[in-house]
Structures are given as structure tokens and as C-alpha cells.
Protein backbone atom coordinates (compact mmCIF):
# COMPACT_ATOMS: atom_id res chain seq x y z
CA UNK A 1 -61.76 95.12 43.84
CA UNK A 2 -58.20 96.95 42.87
CA UNK A 3 -58.58 97.78 39.12
CA UNK A 4 -56.51 96.07 36.34
CA UNK A 5 -54.14 99.18 36.10
CA UNK A 6 -53.67 99.19 39.46
CA UNK A 7 -51.94 96.12 40.18
CA UNK A 8 -51.34 94.23 36.48
CA UNK A 9 -48.88 92.11 38.14
CA UNK A 10 -51.67 90.61 40.02
CA UNK A 11 -53.71 90.38 37.94
CA UNK A 12 -51.40 88.21 35.79
CA UNK A 13 -50.05 85.85 38.12
CA UNK A 14 -53.96 85.27 39.35
CA UNK A 15 -54.66 84.73 35.47
CA UNK A 16 -51.96 82.18 34.97
CA UNK A 17 -53.07 80.39 38.72
CA UNK A 18 -56.53 79.64 37.07
CA UNK A 19 -55.18 78.44 34.24
CA UNK A 20 -52.96 75.90 35.77
CA UNK A 21 -55.25 74.68 38.10
CA UNK A 22 -57.87 74.67 34.70
CA UNK A 23 -55.66 72.90 33.27
CA UNK A 24 -55.88 69.78 36.76
CA UNK A 25 -53.04 70.80 38.25
CA UNK A 26 -53.20 69.99 42.16
CA UNK A 27 -52.63 73.42 44.35
CA UNK A 28 -49.94 72.42 45.55
CA UNK A 29 -47.78 71.67 42.63
CA UNK A 30 -49.25 74.94 41.09
CA UNK A 31 -48.19 77.20 43.78
CA UNK A 32 -44.56 74.88 43.23
CA UNK A 33 -44.74 75.97 38.90
CA UNK A 34 -45.59 79.76 39.95
CA UNK A 35 -42.92 80.31 42.40
CA UNK A 36 -40.39 78.25 40.11
CA UNK A 37 -41.61 80.42 37.28
CA UNK A 38 -41.45 84.19 39.40
CA UNK A 39 -38.14 83.09 40.27
CA UNK A 40 -37.16 82.29 36.51
CA UNK A 41 -38.75 85.35 35.51
CA UNK A 42 -37.25 87.90 38.52
CA UNK A 43 -33.55 86.16 37.66
CA UNK A 44 -33.55 86.64 33.76
CA UNK A 45 -35.25 90.35 34.01
CA UNK A 46 -32.32 91.59 36.78
CA UNK A 47 -29.85 90.26 34.58
CA UNK A 48 -31.55 92.03 31.22
CA UNK A 49 -31.70 95.08 33.61
CA UNK A 50 -27.67 95.27 32.88
CA UNK A 51 -28.04 95.93 29.83
CA UNK A 52 -30.00 99.70 30.04
CA UNK A 53 -27.85 99.99 33.68
CA UNK A 54 -24.41 100.31 31.57
CA UNK A 55 -25.56 102.55 28.87
CA UNK A 56 -27.00 104.72 31.50
CA UNK A 57 -23.94 104.58 33.61
CA UNK A 58 -21.29 104.61 30.64
CA UNK A 59 -23.45 107.73 29.11
CA UNK A 60 -23.78 109.54 32.04
CA UNK A 61 -20.07 109.15 33.11
CA UNK A 62 -19.11 110.34 29.72
CA UNK A 63 -21.06 113.53 30.01
CA UNK A 64 -19.31 114.24 34.09
CA UNK A 65 -15.72 113.39 32.41
CA UNK A 66 -17.14 115.49 29.94
CA UNK A 67 -17.22 112.66 26.96
CA UNK A 68 -19.51 111.88 24.95
CA UNK A 69 -19.98 108.15 25.70
CA UNK A 70 -21.28 105.50 23.43
CA UNK A 71 -22.73 107.44 20.40
CA UNK A 72 -21.89 104.81 17.64
CA UNK A 73 -24.53 101.92 17.78
CA UNK A 74 -27.65 103.15 17.50
CA UNK A 75 -28.99 106.33 18.50
CA UNK A 76 -27.49 107.93 21.65
CA UNK A 77 -25.31 104.83 21.37
CA UNK A 78 -27.90 102.75 22.67
CA UNK A 79 -26.98 99.42 21.35
CA UNK A 80 -23.29 99.45 22.09
CA UNK A 81 -24.08 97.42 25.60
CA UNK A 82 -25.74 94.51 22.86
CA UNK A 83 -22.09 94.87 21.04
CA UNK A 84 -19.89 95.02 24.02
CA UNK A 85 -22.47 91.53 24.65
CA UNK A 86 -22.18 89.71 21.36
CA UNK A 87 -17.73 90.40 21.71
CA UNK A 88 -17.88 89.08 25.28
CA UNK A 89 -20.09 85.50 24.20
CA UNK A 90 -17.62 85.05 21.12
CA UNK A 91 -14.22 85.85 22.77
CA UNK A 92 -12.77 82.71 23.72
CA UNK A 93 -12.88 80.58 26.96
CA UNK A 94 -9.35 80.07 28.49
CA UNK A 95 -8.34 78.16 30.77
CA UNK A 96 -4.84 78.89 32.73
CA UNK A 97 -2.45 75.91 33.24
CA UNK A 98 -2.61 74.56 36.37
CA UNK A 99 -5.82 76.45 37.52
CA UNK A 100 -8.22 74.16 40.54
CA UNK A 101 -11.05 73.31 37.44
CA UNK A 102 -13.79 74.20 40.21
CA UNK A 103 -13.38 77.00 42.30
CA UNK A 104 -12.18 78.79 39.03
CA UNK A 105 -15.68 77.82 37.20
CA UNK A 106 -17.48 78.19 40.29
CA UNK A 107 -16.50 81.83 41.03
CA UNK A 108 -18.43 82.96 38.00
CA UNK A 109 -21.63 81.69 39.23
CA UNK A 110 -21.51 82.29 42.78
CA UNK A 111 -20.44 86.61 41.64
CA UNK A 112 -23.88 86.77 40.10
CA UNK A 113 -26.27 84.23 42.13
CA UNK A 114 -25.39 86.26 45.32
CA UNK A 115 -26.65 90.14 44.31
CA UNK A 116 -30.09 87.18 42.55
CA UNK A 117 -30.31 86.28 46.02
CA UNK A 118 -30.57 89.41 47.00
CA UNK A 119 -33.87 90.17 44.99
CA UNK A 120 -35.88 87.41 46.19
CA UNK A 121 -36.79 89.47 49.75
CA UNK A 122 -37.17 92.77 47.97
CA UNK A 123 -40.95 94.92 48.11
CA UNK A 124 -41.17 95.85 45.06
CA UNK A 125 -44.53 97.00 45.67
CA UNK A 126 -47.21 96.48 48.91
CA UNK A 127 -48.49 93.28 46.84
CA UNK A 128 -45.57 92.05 45.26
CA UNK A 129 -42.93 90.80 46.05
CA UNK A 130 -40.18 87.22 46.49
CA UNK A 131 -40.17 86.04 50.33
CA UNK A 132 -41.57 87.79 52.96
CA UNK A 133 -38.72 86.30 55.48
CA UNK A 134 -38.80 87.37 59.38
CA UNK A 135 -35.20 87.03 58.95
CA UNK A 136 -34.77 89.16 55.73
CA UNK A 137 -32.12 91.50 56.88
CA UNK A 138 -30.23 88.49 58.06
CA UNK A 139 -30.79 86.52 54.95
CA UNK A 140 -29.70 89.89 53.21
CA UNK A 141 -26.22 89.63 55.19
CA UNK A 142 -25.52 86.29 54.28
CA UNK A 143 -26.43 86.54 50.39
CA UNK A 144 -23.78 89.15 50.51
CA UNK A 145 -21.30 86.58 51.92
CA UNK A 146 -21.17 84.48 48.75
CA UNK A 147 -20.50 87.36 46.55
CA UNK A 148 -16.76 87.50 49.01
CA UNK A 149 -16.71 83.87 48.38
CA UNK A 150 -16.50 84.11 44.52
CA UNK A 151 -13.67 86.38 44.86
CA UNK A 152 -11.84 84.37 47.10
CA UNK A 153 -12.35 81.11 44.69
CA UNK A 154 -11.57 83.76 41.75
CA UNK A 155 -8.38 84.88 43.10
CA UNK A 156 -7.06 81.39 44.98
CA UNK A 157 -8.50 79.00 42.04
CA UNK A 158 -6.48 81.01 38.97
CA UNK A 159 -3.32 79.63 39.82
CA UNK A 160 -1.72 83.50 39.41
CA UNK A 161 0.05 85.63 42.02
CA UNK A 162 -1.50 88.38 40.44
CA UNK A 163 -4.97 87.66 41.01
CA UNK A 164 -4.12 85.57 44.41
CA UNK A 165 -3.24 88.87 45.64
CA UNK A 166 -5.38 90.82 44.24
CA UNK A 167 -8.29 88.26 45.31
CA UNK A 168 -7.06 88.36 49.37
CA UNK A 169 -7.19 92.32 49.22
CA UNK A 170 -10.41 92.37 47.70
CA UNK A 171 -11.57 90.20 50.61
CA UNK A 172 -9.54 92.04 53.32
CA UNK A 173 -11.86 95.33 52.38
CA UNK A 174 -15.26 93.87 52.25
CA UNK A 175 -14.97 91.50 54.98
CA UNK A 176 -13.59 95.13 57.10
CA UNK A 177 -16.41 97.30 55.47
CA UNK A 178 -19.45 94.90 56.40
CA UNK A 179 -18.86 95.28 60.21
CA UNK A 180 -20.12 98.76 60.22
CA UNK A 181 -22.32 97.64 57.47
CA UNK A 182 -23.81 95.28 59.93
CA UNK A 183 -24.05 97.76 63.16
CA UNK A 184 -25.79 100.25 60.77
CA UNK A 185 -28.29 97.13 59.98
CA UNK A 186 -29.41 97.37 63.67
CA UNK A 187 -31.04 100.61 63.52
CA UNK A 188 -34.00 100.20 60.89
CA UNK A 189 -33.91 96.45 62.37
CA UNK A 190 -35.03 98.52 66.43
CA UNK A 191 -37.14 101.33 64.55
CA UNK A 192 -38.97 98.21 62.85
CA UNK A 193 -39.33 96.05 65.92
CA UNK A 194 -37.97 93.06 62.41
CA UNK A 195 -36.17 92.13 59.87
CA UNK A 196 -38.66 91.75 57.77
CA UNK A 197 -38.16 94.02 54.21
CA UNK A 198 -41.65 94.14 54.00
CA UNK A 199 -42.45 95.21 58.19
CA UNK A 200 -39.31 97.79 57.65
CA UNK A 201 -41.44 99.68 55.04
CA UNK A 202 -44.02 99.31 56.67
CA UNK A 203 -42.58 101.08 59.76
CA UNK A 204 -41.62 104.15 57.53
CA UNK A 205 -44.61 106.66 58.36
CA UNK A 206 -41.16 109.21 59.13
CA UNK A 207 -38.11 108.08 56.87
CA UNK A 208 -35.62 106.33 58.61
CA UNK A 209 -33.13 108.78 57.40
CA UNK A 210 -34.85 111.45 58.72
CA UNK A 211 -34.79 109.56 62.09
CA UNK A 212 -30.71 108.00 61.25
CA UNK A 213 -29.12 110.66 58.99
CA UNK A 214 -25.81 109.19 60.40
CA UNK A 215 -26.60 105.40 59.66
CA UNK A 216 -27.61 105.47 56.56
CA UNK A 217 -24.55 107.44 55.83
CA UNK A 218 -22.57 104.71 57.17
CA UNK A 219 -24.31 102.24 55.14
CA UNK A 220 -24.09 103.76 52.27
CA UNK A 221 -20.28 104.28 52.49
CA UNK A 222 -20.09 100.88 53.20
CA UNK A 223 -22.52 100.09 50.23
CA UNK A 224 -20.23 101.50 48.07
CA UNK A 225 -17.14 100.01 49.27
CA UNK A 226 -19.06 96.34 49.37
CA UNK A 227 -18.85 96.87 45.37
CA UNK A 228 -15.81 98.10 44.56
CA UNK A 229 -17.01 101.02 43.04
CA UNK A 230 -14.40 104.55 43.16
CA UNK A 231 -13.48 105.79 45.24
CA UNK A 232 -12.81 102.08 47.37
CA UNK A 233 -12.01 100.63 43.37
CA UNK A 234 -9.17 98.84 45.20
CA UNK A 235 -9.33 95.60 43.41
CA UNK A 236 -9.04 96.46 39.60
CA UNK A 237 -5.77 98.67 40.63
CA UNK A 238 -4.41 98.27 37.56
CA UNK A 239 -1.02 99.84 38.34
CA UNK A 240 -0.70 97.51 41.34
CA UNK A 241 -2.49 94.22 40.35
CA UNK A 242 -3.02 94.12 36.42
CA UNK A 243 -7.25 93.80 36.54
CA UNK A 244 -7.43 92.55 39.96
CA UNK A 245 -8.17 88.68 40.89
CA UNK A 246 -10.46 87.82 37.69
CA UNK A 247 -6.80 88.51 35.32
CA UNK A 248 -7.05 85.06 33.86
CA UNK A 249 -10.93 84.71 32.88
CA UNK A 250 -11.89 85.89 29.15
CA UNK A 251 -14.91 85.32 27.86
CA UNK A 252 -18.61 84.70 29.36
CA UNK A 253 -17.13 84.08 32.12
CA UNK A 254 -15.00 87.54 32.84
CA UNK A 255 -19.01 89.24 31.92
CA UNK A 256 -20.59 87.43 34.61
CA UNK A 257 -18.58 89.34 36.42
CA UNK A 258 -18.97 92.17 34.69
CA UNK A 259 -23.29 91.84 35.69
CA UNK A 260 -22.56 90.95 38.91
CA UNK A 261 -20.83 94.87 39.67
CA UNK A 262 -22.83 96.81 37.71
CA UNK A 263 -26.34 94.19 39.16
CA UNK A 264 -24.51 94.63 42.35
CA UNK A 265 -24.25 98.19 42.67
CA UNK A 266 -28.33 99.30 41.32
CA UNK A 267 -28.89 96.16 43.96
CA UNK A 268 -27.54 98.09 46.69
CA UNK A 269 -29.59 101.53 46.00
CA UNK A 270 -32.64 99.64 46.01
CA UNK A 271 -31.46 98.53 49.37
CA UNK A 272 -31.03 101.65 50.30
CA UNK A 273 -34.18 103.00 49.12
CA UNK A 274 -36.24 99.97 50.50
CA UNK A 275 -34.33 100.52 54.25
CA UNK A 276 -34.02 104.33 54.67
CA UNK A 277 -35.97 105.86 52.06
CA UNK A 278 -39.76 104.34 52.49
CA UNK A 279 -38.89 102.06 49.71
CA UNK A 280 -42.23 101.67 48.19
CA UNK A 281 -44.36 104.16 50.19
CA UNK A 282 -45.90 107.15 49.17
CA UNK A 283 -48.76 108.81 48.55
CA UNK A 284 -51.37 106.51 47.67
CA UNK A 285 -49.43 103.63 46.87
CA UNK A 286 -51.31 100.99 49.15
CA UNK A 287 -54.17 101.96 46.64
CA UNK A 288 -52.66 101.83 43.64
CA UNK A 289 -49.44 99.26 44.07
CA UNK A 290 -48.02 99.77 40.77
CA UNK A 291 -47.56 103.73 42.06
CA UNK A 292 -45.78 101.95 44.71
CA UNK A 293 -43.28 100.76 42.41
CA UNK A 294 -42.90 104.18 40.41
CA UNK A 295 -42.75 105.42 43.70
CA UNK A 296 -39.25 102.64 44.67
CA UNK A 297 -38.24 103.11 40.88
CA UNK A 298 -37.64 106.93 41.30
CA UNK A 299 -36.23 106.89 44.88
CA UNK A 300 -33.35 104.00 43.90
CA UNK A 301 -32.78 105.63 40.78
CA UNK A 302 -31.95 108.78 42.51
CA UNK A 303 -29.10 106.50 44.83
CA UNK A 304 -27.72 105.05 42.71
CA UNK A 305 -26.96 108.32 40.47
CA UNK A 306 -25.09 109.99 43.73
CA UNK A 307 -23.73 106.00 42.97
CA UNK A 308 -22.60 107.03 39.67
CA UNK A 309 -21.41 110.45 40.64
CA UNK A 310 -19.03 109.50 42.98
CA UNK A 311 -17.44 106.67 40.54
CA UNK A 312 -17.11 109.43 37.88
CA UNK A 313 -15.57 111.71 39.77
CA UNK A 314 -13.98 110.99 42.81
CA UNK A 315 -9.99 109.30 42.82
CA UNK A 316 -9.25 106.02 44.15
CA UNK A 317 -8.23 106.04 47.67
CA UNK A 318 -4.90 104.01 48.96
CA UNK A 319 -4.88 100.86 50.48
CA UNK A 320 -3.79 101.97 53.97
CA UNK A 321 -6.32 105.52 53.55
CA UNK A 322 -9.54 102.65 52.72
CA UNK A 323 -8.50 100.85 56.20
CA UNK A 324 -7.60 104.07 58.05
CA UNK A 325 -11.83 105.43 57.61
CA UNK A 326 -13.55 101.77 58.15
CA UNK A 327 -11.93 101.14 61.15
CA UNK A 328 -11.37 104.62 62.38
CA UNK A 329 -13.89 106.46 61.95
CA UNK A 330 -16.57 103.94 60.35
CA UNK A 331 -16.96 101.77 63.24
CA UNK A 332 -16.86 103.18 66.40
CA UNK A 333 -18.80 105.71 64.52
CA UNK A 334 -21.45 102.63 63.89
CA UNK A 335 -21.12 101.76 67.45
CA UNK A 336 -21.57 104.76 68.84
CA UNK A 337 -24.79 105.91 67.07
CA UNK A 338 -26.66 102.64 67.69
CA UNK A 339 -26.06 102.50 71.33
CA UNK A 340 -26.68 106.22 71.38
CA UNK A 341 -29.81 105.44 69.06
CA UNK A 342 -31.76 102.22 71.77
CA UNK A 343 -31.36 104.82 74.70
CA UNK A 344 -32.87 107.65 72.41
CA UNK A 345 -35.38 105.56 71.40
CA UNK A 346 -36.26 104.03 74.69
CA UNK A 347 -36.54 107.19 76.83
CA UNK A 348 -39.01 108.90 73.86
CA UNK A 349 -40.99 105.29 73.23
CA UNK A 350 -44.46 107.12 74.63
CA UNK A 351 -43.77 110.07 72.67
CA UNK A 352 -46.16 111.45 69.24
CA UNK A 353 -44.26 110.16 66.26
CA UNK A 354 -43.22 113.24 64.34
CA UNK A 355 -41.66 114.56 67.93
CA UNK A 356 -40.17 111.61 68.68
CA UNK A 357 -38.37 111.66 64.86
CA UNK A 358 -37.13 115.29 65.40
CA UNK A 359 -35.61 114.22 68.81
CA UNK A 360 -33.77 111.36 66.94
CA UNK A 361 -32.70 114.13 64.12
CA UNK A 362 -31.85 116.32 67.01
CA UNK A 363 -29.29 113.82 68.49
CA UNK A 364 -27.55 112.36 65.19
CA UNK A 365 -26.77 115.95 64.15
CA UNK A 366 -24.56 116.33 67.36
CA UNK A 367 -23.25 113.04 67.12
CA UNK A 368 -22.49 114.42 63.50
CA UNK A 369 -20.79 116.97 64.69
CA UNK A 370 -19.03 115.63 67.42
CA UNK A 371 -17.37 113.22 64.98
CA UNK A 372 -16.79 116.32 62.52
CA UNK A 373 -15.00 118.60 65.59
CA UNK A 374 -12.73 115.02 66.26
CA UNK A 375 -12.11 114.91 63.09
CA UNK A 376 -11.35 118.38 62.76
CA UNK A 377 -9.07 118.23 65.91
CA UNK A 378 -6.73 115.32 64.63
CA UNK A 379 -5.75 116.72 61.46
CA UNK A 380 -4.98 119.71 63.13
CA UNK A 381 -2.52 117.66 65.51
CA UNK A 382 -1.07 116.08 62.39
CA UNK A 383 -0.22 118.64 60.66
CA UNK A 384 1.67 120.52 63.33
CA UNK A 385 3.36 116.59 63.76
CA UNK A 386 4.67 116.69 60.06
CA UNK A 387 5.67 120.54 60.58
CA UNK A 388 7.85 119.73 63.41
CA UNK A 389 9.37 116.81 61.94
CA UNK A 390 10.01 119.21 58.61
CA UNK A 391 11.30 121.62 61.11
CA UNK A 392 14.18 118.97 62.81
CA UNK A 393 17.44 119.56 61.82
CA UNK A 394 18.55 116.20 59.85
CA UNK A 395 21.91 115.05 60.46
CA UNK A 396 24.66 114.72 56.88
CA UNK A 397 27.23 112.69 57.21
CA UNK A 398 30.55 114.98 55.41
CA UNK A 399 33.72 112.39 54.28
CA UNK A 400 35.72 114.66 55.06
CA UNK A 401 34.90 115.24 58.20
CA UNK A 402 35.79 111.84 59.15
């Protein structure tokens, strides 16, 4: 039997279930109450965790940019997020004249809800997860669609042309980058032969980032674009859109967009860890479930650190550059790598798992090298055209010649 310290969450769940049954609740009602309580605690814990994420990210970016970051309220500024929360809670709610009431007020709720829905299928350890859906990956894509819908509703319902323009531009970016993301998600599904998140984790005897580094790279880039983080933060281009689709929101409604952004950044890091870094798997994780949770947290924070480093160090892309990256590079590369991976995976299906992993890694590196070579050649051709156009004589009209 697993010791209490090795699996404390399931121990608490068993105690609560026995307590409810002891009070006379029938098993079906007990299961319903336990599911309701688990969902409430998960959603509340995720939203409270944002308090730490805000402090952590602001402090880290301050160090990257040679600033102190929060350092006044509490030691190391740890109470600064609570001051920000208080400010947001007491700010006045302002609804613009002519706003469409239902979509305007529904958008902030959907923005947070779309992120919390993703947490329902995340396996935190071998024995702790919300729901083990056999279409878990498809569920992730569908839940992410609510976030797109919230941005559209916010821009449309605000009765503000800047908000509408920001909403349309955000939708164009999100829908565009979802294409290569969904294509790359086929590779973990292909390897695991299942869309269940639990099965994908258990199938990673060798991490999928080793056998599919190109797909992992594309998924990471598109995930950063999906959450609107730098260098893909055109939805908040102040010089063009004031503040984007949420310009007409104030108080707690604006705070909900703020919470959704920070929580979504951590959530995509969590998904990357599950899909490509083995999730909770590691030495002793199946025998000691709490150890698997520690592995998952470490992997997630490593990925989250990279997301923060990108935000703190890279400039913003232009809209044309961002679309060129997606439609001219990421989408064709995603299609190629899926087809190549499917063919090679089928051809080496009978080999040892380690040999198979090495072959798949080499194939991915070859595809990446060819892509890099083609991009360099394309860049040289563009520079040559630019030099020729600059040297071309330009006819100048002089009035004295007429």
C-alpha cells in the first residue's frame, strides 16, 4: 500500500469520500459532490496561483531588463500583487454608452473560463487528474476556441472602433497560428496512438521532444503567439490600438483579462511539458506519485522561464512579419514534418525504441537543416533584389527641362 506521504491527495480524497458516505449520502451523490468540490478547488487554486505568477514574472523581467521590479510592499515585493488586486477590486465599473451588454460582460468570463477548462484534463501525477478523456487533445483545441470567442465578443461588444480593430487583428493572429499548432499536435497523438492526455504521458519512454523536436519547436512558437506574448503581442500595440480589444474594460472585468493572460502563459508551459517532456514521468514517479508532481512542476517552470525570457528580451513583430512567419514558414514546415514523421515512424515501427528514437531525431534534424538552408537562400535573394532596386536610376522631374 502506498504511504500517505507518497500520495497525500488521494489519501484526502478517500477520507472525504468515506466521510460523506458515513453521513448517509448514496454513492452516486457522493461522486457528484466530490467531482464538484474537486473542480471548485482546482479552479480556485489555479486563479490564486496567478498571484504568485504575477510577482514571479515581474521580478524576473525586472532582472532581465536591469530593473528592480516590485520591491516596496513586503520583503522582495511579495505583497505587490495583493495591492494590485485591491486596486482592481475597488476601481469603478464603467460600461461604455451603446455597448452590447451581453457580449461585453460575457467576454471576461469566457477569457478566464477557457483557460480553466484546459486544467480539467491535465494529469498532475499518475493517480491525480481531472477527467481522462479519450479525446483529450481535441478537447484542448475546443477549449482554446472559447478564448478566441472572448476576444471577438470584447472587441465587438465594446462599441469602440479601436477595440473592434484590436479584436479583429487578434482573431486573425490566433486563428492563423492555430493551424500549425493543430497540425503539430498530430505527432504526439500519432506516437501515443491516442488523444488521451494520460496515455500520451505514459507513452513517453523517450520524451517526444527527442523524437519530434521540430514539432515541439513549432508548438512552442505557436503557443506563445496564442497567448499574445512578446514578440507576438500585437493585440496590445499601444501606438496603434491604445490597448487592444479590452480598452473599454475597467475594474475587475479588466482584471479577468489580466488573470487569463498570466494563467494562460503558465498553462501552455504545462501543456508543453505534458506533450513533449514526459509530464509527471521520471525516476520513481509511479511508485511515489507526489514525486511525479514535483517533476511536472520543475519541467513546467523551465518552459515558463523561456516564455518570460522571450517577453523580456525580444521586440515586437510587425503584423506582416508575423503572418509571413506563420503562413510561409511554420505551416508548410508543420505539414512536411507530419508527413515525414508518419512515413518514418511506420517504416521503423519494428525496431527497438532507442534506435527508433535516434532515427526520428536524425530525420527531424535533417528537415530542420533543409528549412534553415532554404530560408538563408530566400534571404539572400531578397537582399539581392533590394540592392538592385537601390542601384536602379530614378527619373527626376526638373521644371526647367519642360
